[in-house]
Amino acid sequence: LEASLKEQCRKEREKINSKPLGMAFVTFEDEGTAAIILKDFNACKCHGCQCRREPRSSIFSGKLHTQKWTIAYAPDPQNVYW
C-alpha cells in the first residue's frame, strides 16, 4: 500500500512540473513590506502617457518575463483550492 501511494505521489509530482499554473504565492515578514512591493511594482505598470517605466530589473528578469507579471494581494486562504 505504501509503495503504491508513493508511486501515485511521484506521478502527481511529475504532472505538476510539466503543467505549471503560472502563479506563485510570496510571503513577506509583515504587511507593510508587501504593501510597499505591491505599490512599487504596480506604479510601474500604470497606463499614463509618461509613466510606462519598467520595474527594476535583475539578471533574472528576462528569463522570468517579469514584464508580463501581474502582482496582487493573494486571496484569503479559505478561498484557494489547494
C-alpha atoms as a PDB file:
ATOM      1  CA  LEU A   1       0.000   0.000   0.000  1.00  0.00           C
ATOM      2  CA  GLU A   2       2.758   2.446   0.935  1.00  0.00           C
ATOM      3  CA  ALA A   3       4.663   1.758  -2.277  1.00  0.00           C
ATOM      4  CA  SER A   4       1.506   2.320  -4.307  1.00  0.00           C
ATOM      5  CA  LEU A   5       0.828   5.652  -2.599  1.00  0.00           C
ATOM      6  CA  LYS A   6       4.431   6.763  -3.104  1.00  0.00           C
ATOM      7  CA  GLU A   7       4.163   5.905  -6.792  1.00  0.00           C
ATOM      8  CA  GLN A   8       0.917   7.880  -7.110  1.00  0.00           C
ATOM      9  CA  CYS A   9       2.562  10.807  -5.357  1.00  0.00           C
ATOM     10  CA  ARG A  10       5.562  10.643  -7.702  1.00  0.00           C
ATOM     11  CA  LYS A  11       3.275  10.656 -10.754  1.00  0.00           C
ATOM     12  CA  GLU A  12       1.353  13.652  -9.433  1.00  0.00           C
ATOM     13  CA  ARG A  13       4.622  15.492  -8.816  1.00  0.00           C
ATOM     14  CA  GLU A  14       5.620  14.883 -12.446  1.00  0.00           C
ATOM     15  CA  LYS A  15       2.302  16.334 -13.626  1.00  0.00           C
ATOM     16  CA  ILE A  16       2.835  19.436 -11.523  1.00  0.00           C
ATOM     17  CA  ASN A  17       6.258  20.065 -13.029  1.00  0.00           C
ATOM     18  CA  SER A  18       5.014  19.583 -16.586  1.00  0.00           C
ATOM     19  CA  LYS A  19       1.948  21.858 -16.253  1.00  0.00           C
ATOM     20  CA  PRO A  20       2.810  24.919 -14.155  1.00  0.00           C
ATOM     21  CA  LEU A  21      -0.109  27.137 -13.167  1.00  0.00           C
ATOM     22  CA  GLY A  22       1.804  30.335 -13.799  1.00  0.00           C
ATOM     23  CA  MET A  23       1.345  31.716 -10.309  1.00  0.00           C
ATOM     24  CA  ALA A  24       3.204  31.952  -7.064  1.00  0.00           C
ATOM     25  CA  PHE A  25       2.411  32.957  -3.530  1.00  0.00           C
ATOM     26  CA  VAL A  26       5.070  35.017  -1.790  1.00  0.00           C
ATOM     27  CA  THR A  27       5.116  35.611   1.955  1.00  0.00           C
ATOM     28  CA  PHE A  28       6.675  38.717   3.479  1.00  0.00           C
ATOM     29  CA  GLU A  29       7.776  39.468   7.018  1.00  0.00           C
ATOM     30  CA  ASP A  30       4.927  41.919   7.518  1.00  0.00           C
ATOM     31  CA  GLU A  31       2.017  43.501   5.694  1.00  0.00           C
ATOM     32  CA  GLY A  32       3.848  46.816   5.316  1.00  0.00           C
ATOM     33  CA  THR A  33       6.597  45.243   3.218  1.00  0.00           C
ATOM     34  CA  ALA A  34       4.024  43.552   1.000  1.00  0.00           C
ATOM     35  CA  ALA A  35       2.225  46.880   0.514  1.00  0.00           C
ATOM     36  CA  ILE A  36       5.452  48.645  -0.498  1.00  0.00           C
ATOM     37  CA  ILE A  37       6.355  45.994  -3.066  1.00  0.00           C
ATOM     38  CA  LEU A  38       2.831  45.895  -4.476  1.00  0.00           C
ATOM     39  CA  LYS A  39       2.723  49.689  -4.763  1.00  0.00           C
ATOM     40  CA  ASP A  40       6.186  49.957  -6.346  1.00  0.00           C
ATOM     41  CA  PHE A  41       5.595  47.229  -8.886  1.00  0.00           C
ATOM     42  CA  ASN A  42       2.121  48.391  -9.889  1.00  0.00           C
ATOM     43  CA  ALA A  43       3.210  52.047 -10.118  1.00  0.00           C
ATOM     44  CA  CYS A  44       5.492  50.957 -12.932  1.00  0.00           C
ATOM     45  CA  LYS A  45       2.593  49.389 -14.792  1.00  0.00           C
ATOM     46  CA  CYS A  46       0.211  52.348 -14.893  1.00  0.00           C
ATOM     47  CA  HIS A  47      -1.053  53.317 -18.329  1.00  0.00           C
ATOM     48  CA  GLY A  48      -0.497  57.077 -18.227  1.00  0.00           C
ATOM     49  CA  CYS A  49       1.351  58.760 -21.042  1.00  0.00           C
ATOM     50  CA  GLN A  50       4.624  59.299 -19.234  1.00  0.00           C
ATOM     51  CA  CYS A  51       4.895  56.622 -16.575  1.00  0.00           C
ATOM     52  CA  ARG A  52       5.425  53.398 -18.522  1.00  0.00           C
ATOM     53  CA  ARG A  53       8.745  52.750 -16.828  1.00  0.00           C
ATOM     54  CA  GLU A  54       9.711  49.165 -16.168  1.00  0.00           C
ATOM     55  CA  PRO A  55      10.193  47.761 -12.682  1.00  0.00           C
ATOM     56  CA  ARG A  56      13.779  47.415 -11.526  1.00  0.00           C
ATOM     57  CA  SER A  57      15.317  44.519 -13.336  1.00  0.00           C
ATOM     58  CA  SER A  58      17.726  41.860 -12.228  1.00  0.00           C
ATOM     59  CA  ILE A  59      19.801  39.286 -14.069  1.00  0.00           C
ATOM     60  CA  PHE A  60      16.742  37.004 -13.913  1.00  0.00           C
ATOM     61  CA  SER A  61      14.090  39.463 -15.155  1.00  0.00           C
ATOM     62  CA  GLY A  62      14.336  38.483 -18.802  1.00  0.00           C
ATOM     63  CA  LYS A  63      14.266  34.790 -18.096  1.00  0.00           C
ATOM     64  CA  LEU A  64      11.309  35.196 -15.725  1.00  0.00           C
ATOM     65  CA  HIS A  65       9.437  37.561 -18.093  1.00  0.00           C
ATOM     66  CA  THR A  66       8.685  39.989 -15.259  1.00  0.00           C
ATOM     67  CA  GLN A  67       7.256  42.477 -17.759  1.00  0.00           C
ATOM     68  CA  LYS A  68       4.272  40.106 -18.075  1.00  0.00           C
ATOM     69  CA  TRP A  69       3.694  39.730 -14.335  1.00  0.00           C
ATOM     70  CA  THR A  70       0.600  40.913 -12.535  1.00  0.00           C
ATOM     71  CA  ILE A  71       1.003  41.383  -8.811  1.00  0.00           C
ATOM     72  CA  ALA A  72      -1.875  41.476  -6.337  1.00  0.00           C
ATOM     73  CA  TYR A  73      -2.665  40.503  -2.790  1.00  0.00           C
ATOM     74  CA  ALA A  74      -3.435  36.803  -2.522  1.00  0.00           C
ATOM     75  CA  PRO A  75      -6.982  35.738  -1.836  1.00  0.00           C
ATOM     76  CA  ASP A  76      -7.916  34.581   1.632  1.00  0.00           C
ATOM     77  CA  PRO A  77      -6.505  31.055   2.131  1.00  0.00           C
ATOM     78  CA  GLN A  78     -10.053  29.749   2.584  1.00  0.00           C
ATOM     79  CA  ASN A  79     -10.777  30.854  -0.996  1.00  0.00           C
ATOM     80  CA  VAL A  80      -7.834  28.974  -2.521  1.00  0.00           C
ATOM     81  CA  TYR A  81      -8.300  25.407  -3.718  1.00  0.00           C
ATOM     82  CA  TRP A  82      -5.066  23.815  -2.552  1.00  0.00           C
END
